[in-house]
Protein backbone atom coordinates (compact mmCIF):
# COMPACT_ATOMS: atom_id res chain seq x y z
CA MET A 1 16.65 -20.76 5.72
CA PRO A 2 13.87 -18.52 4.29
CA PHE A 3 13.52 -18.42 0.51
CA GLU A 4 14.84 -14.87 0.14
CA GLU A 5 17.98 -15.74 2.12
CA ARG A 6 18.58 -18.77 -0.11
CA ALA A 7 18.00 -16.59 -3.18
CA PHE A 8 20.44 -13.91 -2.02
CA TRP A 9 23.01 -16.55 -1.05
CA PHE A 10 22.70 -18.05 -4.54
CA MET A 11 23.10 -14.60 -6.10
CA ASN A 12 26.14 -13.94 -3.94
CA GLN A 13 27.76 -17.23 -4.92
CA SER A 14 26.90 -16.61 -8.59
CA ARG A 15 28.30 -13.07 -8.46
CA LEU A 16 24.92 -11.56 -9.27
CA THR A 17 24.71 -8.16 -7.64
CA VAL A 18 21.34 -6.66 -8.63
CA TRP A 19 17.78 -7.82 -7.96
CA GLN A 20 15.22 -5.74 -9.87
CA VAL A 21 11.65 -5.67 -8.61
CA LEU A 22 8.35 -4.22 -9.82
CA PRO A 23 6.37 -1.78 -7.65
CA LEU A 24 5.35 -3.40 -4.36
CA GLY A 25 2.00 -1.65 -3.93
CA PRO A 26 -1.42 -3.33 -3.58
CA PRO A 27 -2.81 -3.64 -7.13
CA LEU A 28 -6.38 -2.86 -8.10
CA MET A 29 -8.73 -5.29 -9.84
CA ASP A 30 -6.62 -5.56 -13.01
CA GLY A 31 -3.65 -6.81 -11.01
CA SER A 32 -1.20 -4.29 -12.44
CA PRO A 33 1.49 -3.10 -9.99
CA TYR A 34 1.33 0.25 -11.78
CA GLN A 35 -2.28 0.86 -10.70
CA CYS A 36 -2.30 0.57 -6.91
CA ALA A 37 -4.71 1.33 -4.10
CA SER A 38 -1.94 3.22 -2.31
CA SER A 39 1.39 4.84 -3.12
CA PHE A 40 2.71 3.77 0.29
CA ALA A 41 1.22 0.38 1.21
CA ILE A 42 2.67 -3.02 0.27
CA ASN A 43 0.74 -5.79 -1.51
CA SER A 44 -0.54 -8.18 1.18
CA ALA A 45 0.12 -11.13 -1.17
CA PHE A 46 3.82 -10.68 -0.38
CA LEU A 47 3.39 -11.49 3.31
CA SER A 48 5.20 -14.72 4.12
CA ASP A 49 3.70 -17.02 6.74
CA ALA A 50 7.26 -17.86 7.77
CA LEU A 51 7.42 -14.41 9.34
CA LEU A 52 4.45 -15.33 11.53
CA LEU A 53 6.08 -18.47 12.94
CA ASN A 54 8.69 -16.68 15.06
CA PRO A 55 8.17 -17.69 18.73
CA ASP A 56 9.69 -14.37 19.79
CA ASP A 57 6.83 -12.50 18.11
CA PHE A 58 3.63 -14.55 18.57
CA ASP A 59 1.93 -17.00 20.87
CA LEU A 60 2.34 -20.06 18.67
CA ILE A 61 -1.05 -21.50 19.57
CA THR A 62 -2.61 -18.59 17.65
CA PRO A 63 -3.55 -19.63 14.06
CA ILE A 64 -1.71 -17.94 11.19
CA ARG A 65 -4.82 -16.12 9.99
CA GLU A 66 -5.34 -14.49 13.38
CA ARG A 67 -1.67 -13.55 13.63
CA ARG A 68 -2.03 -11.57 10.40
CA ALA A 69 -4.61 -9.46 12.24
CA GLY A 70 -2.37 -8.97 15.26
CA GLN A 71 -3.91 -11.55 17.56
CA GLY A 72 -1.42 -13.41 19.73
CA ALA A 73 1.28 -10.78 19.21
CA LEU A 74 3.65 -10.40 22.15
CA PRO A 75 3.99 -7.03 23.96
CA SER A 76 7.30 -6.13 22.29
CA VAL A 77 5.71 -6.59 18.86
CA LEU A 78 2.65 -4.55 19.81
CA ALA A 79 4.90 -1.72 20.97
CA GLU A 80 6.72 -1.84 17.63
CA PHE A 81 3.36 -1.86 15.83
CA GLU A 82 2.17 1.23 17.70
CA GLN A 83 5.37 3.03 16.77
CA PHE A 84 4.85 2.06 13.11
CA CYS A 85 1.28 3.41 13.21
CA ARG A 86 2.46 6.74 14.60
CA ALA A 87 5.24 7.07 12.04
CA SER A 88 2.92 6.12 9.15
CA SER A 89 -0.22 7.96 10.25
CA ASN A 90 -0.05 10.39 7.31
CA TRP A 91 -1.11 7.54 4.97
CA LEU A 92 -1.92 4.43 7.03
CA ASP A 93 -5.13 5.67 8.67
CA ASP A 94 -6.69 6.67 5.36
CA TYR A 95 -5.49 3.52 3.61
CA ALA A 96 -6.85 1.14 6.24
CA LEU A 97 -10.22 2.89 6.26
CA PHE A 98 -10.28 3.00 2.45
CA MET A 99 -9.65 -0.73 2.14
CA VAL A 100 -12.28 -1.71 4.69
CA ILE A 101 -14.92 0.54 3.12
CA LYS A 102 -13.96 -0.77 -0.34
CA SER A 103 -14.50 -4.34 0.90
CA HIS A 104 -17.82 -3.30 2.42
CA GLU A 105 -18.76 -1.81 -0.97
CA GLN A 106 -17.91 -5.06 -2.83
CA GLY A 107 -14.77 -3.60 -4.39
CA ARG A 108 -16.47 -0.69 -6.14
CA SER A 109 -14.54 2.47 -6.95
CA TRP A 110 -14.76 5.12 -4.24
CA LEU A 111 -16.59 7.27 -6.81
CA GLU A 112 -19.50 4.81 -6.54
CA TRP A 113 -19.65 4.67 -2.74
CA ARG A 114 -22.51 6.17 -0.81
CA PRO A 115 -22.01 9.96 -0.71
CA VAL A 116 -21.10 10.25 2.98
CA TRP A 117 -18.14 7.89 2.48
CA ARG A 118 -17.24 9.08 -1.00
CA ASP A 119 -17.11 12.70 0.15
CA ARG A 120 -15.52 11.84 3.52
CA ASP A 121 -18.18 13.13 5.88
CA PRO A 122 -16.24 13.22 9.20
CA ALA A 123 -19.05 11.90 11.41
CA SER A 124 -19.87 9.06 9.01
CA LEU A 125 -16.24 7.99 8.66
CA GLU A 126 -15.74 8.11 12.42
CA ALA A 127 -18.82 5.93 12.95
CA PHE A 128 -17.70 3.44 10.29
CA ALA A 129 -14.20 3.22 11.74
CA ARG A 130 -15.64 2.62 15.20
CA ASP A 131 -18.04 -0.08 13.98
CA HIS A 132 -15.30 -1.82 11.96
CA ALA A 133 -12.40 -1.23 14.32
CA LYS A 134 -11.14 -4.83 14.17
CA ALA A 135 -11.01 -4.85 10.37
CA VAL A 136 -9.25 -1.47 10.25
CA HIS A 137 -6.76 -2.67 12.87
CA ALA A 138 -6.12 -5.83 10.84
CA VAL A 139 -5.23 -3.84 7.71
CA LYS A 140 -2.81 -1.70 9.73
CA PHE A 141 -1.20 -4.69 11.41
CA GLU A 142 -0.73 -6.47 8.10
CA GLN A 143 1.03 -3.39 6.71
CA PHE A 144 3.24 -3.35 9.80
CA LEU A 145 4.22 -6.98 9.16
CA LEU A 146 4.88 -6.28 5.48
CA ASP A 147 7.05 -3.27 6.29
CA ARG A 148 8.95 -5.32 8.85
CA GLN A 149 9.42 -8.18 6.41
CA TRP A 150 10.63 -5.89 3.61
CA ARG A 151 13.18 -4.20 5.87
CA ARG A 152 14.56 -7.61 6.82
CA ILE A 153 14.78 -8.62 3.16
CA VAL A 154 16.64 -5.43 2.24
CA THR A 155 19.05 -5.87 5.15
CA LYS A 156 19.80 -9.49 4.19
CA ALA A 157 20.31 -8.53 0.55
CA HIS A 158 22.82 -5.84 1.49
CA GLU A 159 24.65 -8.20 3.84
CA LEU A 160 25.20 -10.55 0.90
CA GLY A 161 26.21 -7.79 -1.51
CA VAL A 162 22.96 -7.64 -3.46
CA LEU A 163 21.46 -4.30 -4.48
CA ILE A 164 17.70 -3.98 -4.96
CA TYR A 165 16.51 -1.82 -7.86
CA GLY A 166 12.90 -0.87 -7.25
CA ASP A 167 10.28 0.82 -9.40
CA LEU A 168 7.37 3.18 -8.80
CA PRO A 169 4.32 4.11 -10.90
CA ILE A 170 4.75 7.52 -12.52
CA PHE A 171 1.20 8.56 -11.56
CA VAL A 172 -1.22 7.82 -8.74
CA ALA A 173 -4.20 5.58 -9.53
CA GLY A 174 -7.58 7.31 -9.50
CA ASP A 175 -9.24 4.60 -7.41
CA SER A 176 -6.75 4.89 -4.59
CA ALA A 177 -6.70 5.95 -0.96
CA ASP A 178 -4.32 8.74 -2.00
CA VAL A 179 -6.82 10.42 -4.32
CA TRP A 180 -9.83 9.68 -2.10
CA ALA A 181 -8.16 11.29 0.92
CA ASN A 182 -6.50 14.19 -0.97
CA ARG A 183 -8.89 15.30 -3.68
CA ALA A 184 -7.65 18.88 -3.44
CA PHE A 185 -4.23 17.77 -4.72
CA PHE A 186 -5.57 16.47 -8.04
CA GLN A 187 -7.28 17.91 -11.11
CA LEU A 188 -10.79 16.63 -10.39
CA ASP A 189 -14.27 17.98 -10.95
CA GLU A 190 -16.92 18.33 -8.24
CA ARG A 191 -17.85 14.65 -8.62
CA GLY A 192 -14.27 13.49 -8.14
CA LEU A 193 -13.70 12.61 -11.81
CA PRO A 194 -10.41 13.71 -13.41
CA THR A 195 -10.61 16.75 -15.66
CA GLU A 196 -7.30 15.75 -17.29
CA VAL A 197 -5.65 12.33 -17.39
CA ALA A 198 -2.14 11.01 -17.91
CA GLY A 199 -0.81 9.29 -21.00
CA VAL A 200 2.01 9.34 -23.52
CA PRO A 201 2.11 10.46 -27.17
CA PRO A 202 2.79 8.05 -30.04
CA ASP A 203 6.26 6.49 -29.97
CA TYR A 204 8.12 3.33 -31.05
CA PHE A 205 6.17 1.31 -28.48
CA SER A 206 2.69 2.43 -29.55
CA ALA A 207 1.90 4.17 -32.82
CA THR A 208 -1.32 5.62 -31.40
CA GLY A 209 0.03 6.61 -27.99
CA GLN A 210 -1.36 5.47 -24.66
CA ARG A 211 -4.15 6.82 -22.47
CA TRP A 212 -3.34 5.72 -18.94
CA GLY A 213 -6.28 7.49 -17.31
CA ASN A 214 -4.53 8.54 -14.10
CA PRO A 215 -5.56 11.90 -12.62
CA LEU A 216 -2.94 14.64 -12.71
CA PHE A 217 -1.63 16.59 -9.75
CA ASP A 218 -2.89 20.14 -9.35
CA TRP A 219 0.53 21.65 -8.74
CA SER A 220 -0.61 25.25 -8.28
CA ARG A 221 -3.23 24.29 -5.70
CA MET A 222 -0.75 22.05 -3.89
CA ALA A 223 1.70 24.94 -3.68
CA GLY A 224 -1.04 27.15 -2.26
CA LEU A 225 -1.84 24.52 0.37
CA GLY A 226 1.80 24.29 1.40
CA ALA A 227 2.39 20.76 0.10
CA ASP A 228 6.02 19.73 -0.35
């Protein structure tokens, strides 16, 4: 029995009904789940190898590492993956490309990338995606597996009477695929730096307040662009 099933069974038997979790997103260098590279993606550290051992999903002679990249996946799984990519295209394409470029740039902020990638020159991004197609595909497939795994976890929790209370960051991280791909939605200058940043005033938790540094949405511009 997978760990999460044992955990939910224990909670059920102990009459514990709520499991509270931190944000699931992929954290940046500081490791905080409140500063993530995407508002939509899931942290790859959560992917369980047990998911990759299902004989109904993968050719079992394929090593675990390759399965994470989609190698050895059976046709039914590939069809499910393609459907996931279509349904998630509004964020997945940018996220996968962002993560591969970020790796290529040794983890530097997108503000420090070469200008054609930083400023999203279409021809340059298309060429990079073509030259690194396997790596981009691997990021997408890993997100597919994580989404699949999380849905199974939620289903099992509900079957055993356990509710999951999640959490989300209040603001989007500046060094994220979201900001990189949607600069027009944020209060940024021509270089991509925030003109205003998020924080909180002094309170019982911090006498001096907190400067979080996240860029703010440009609500008026978003309304003009027809954003929901």
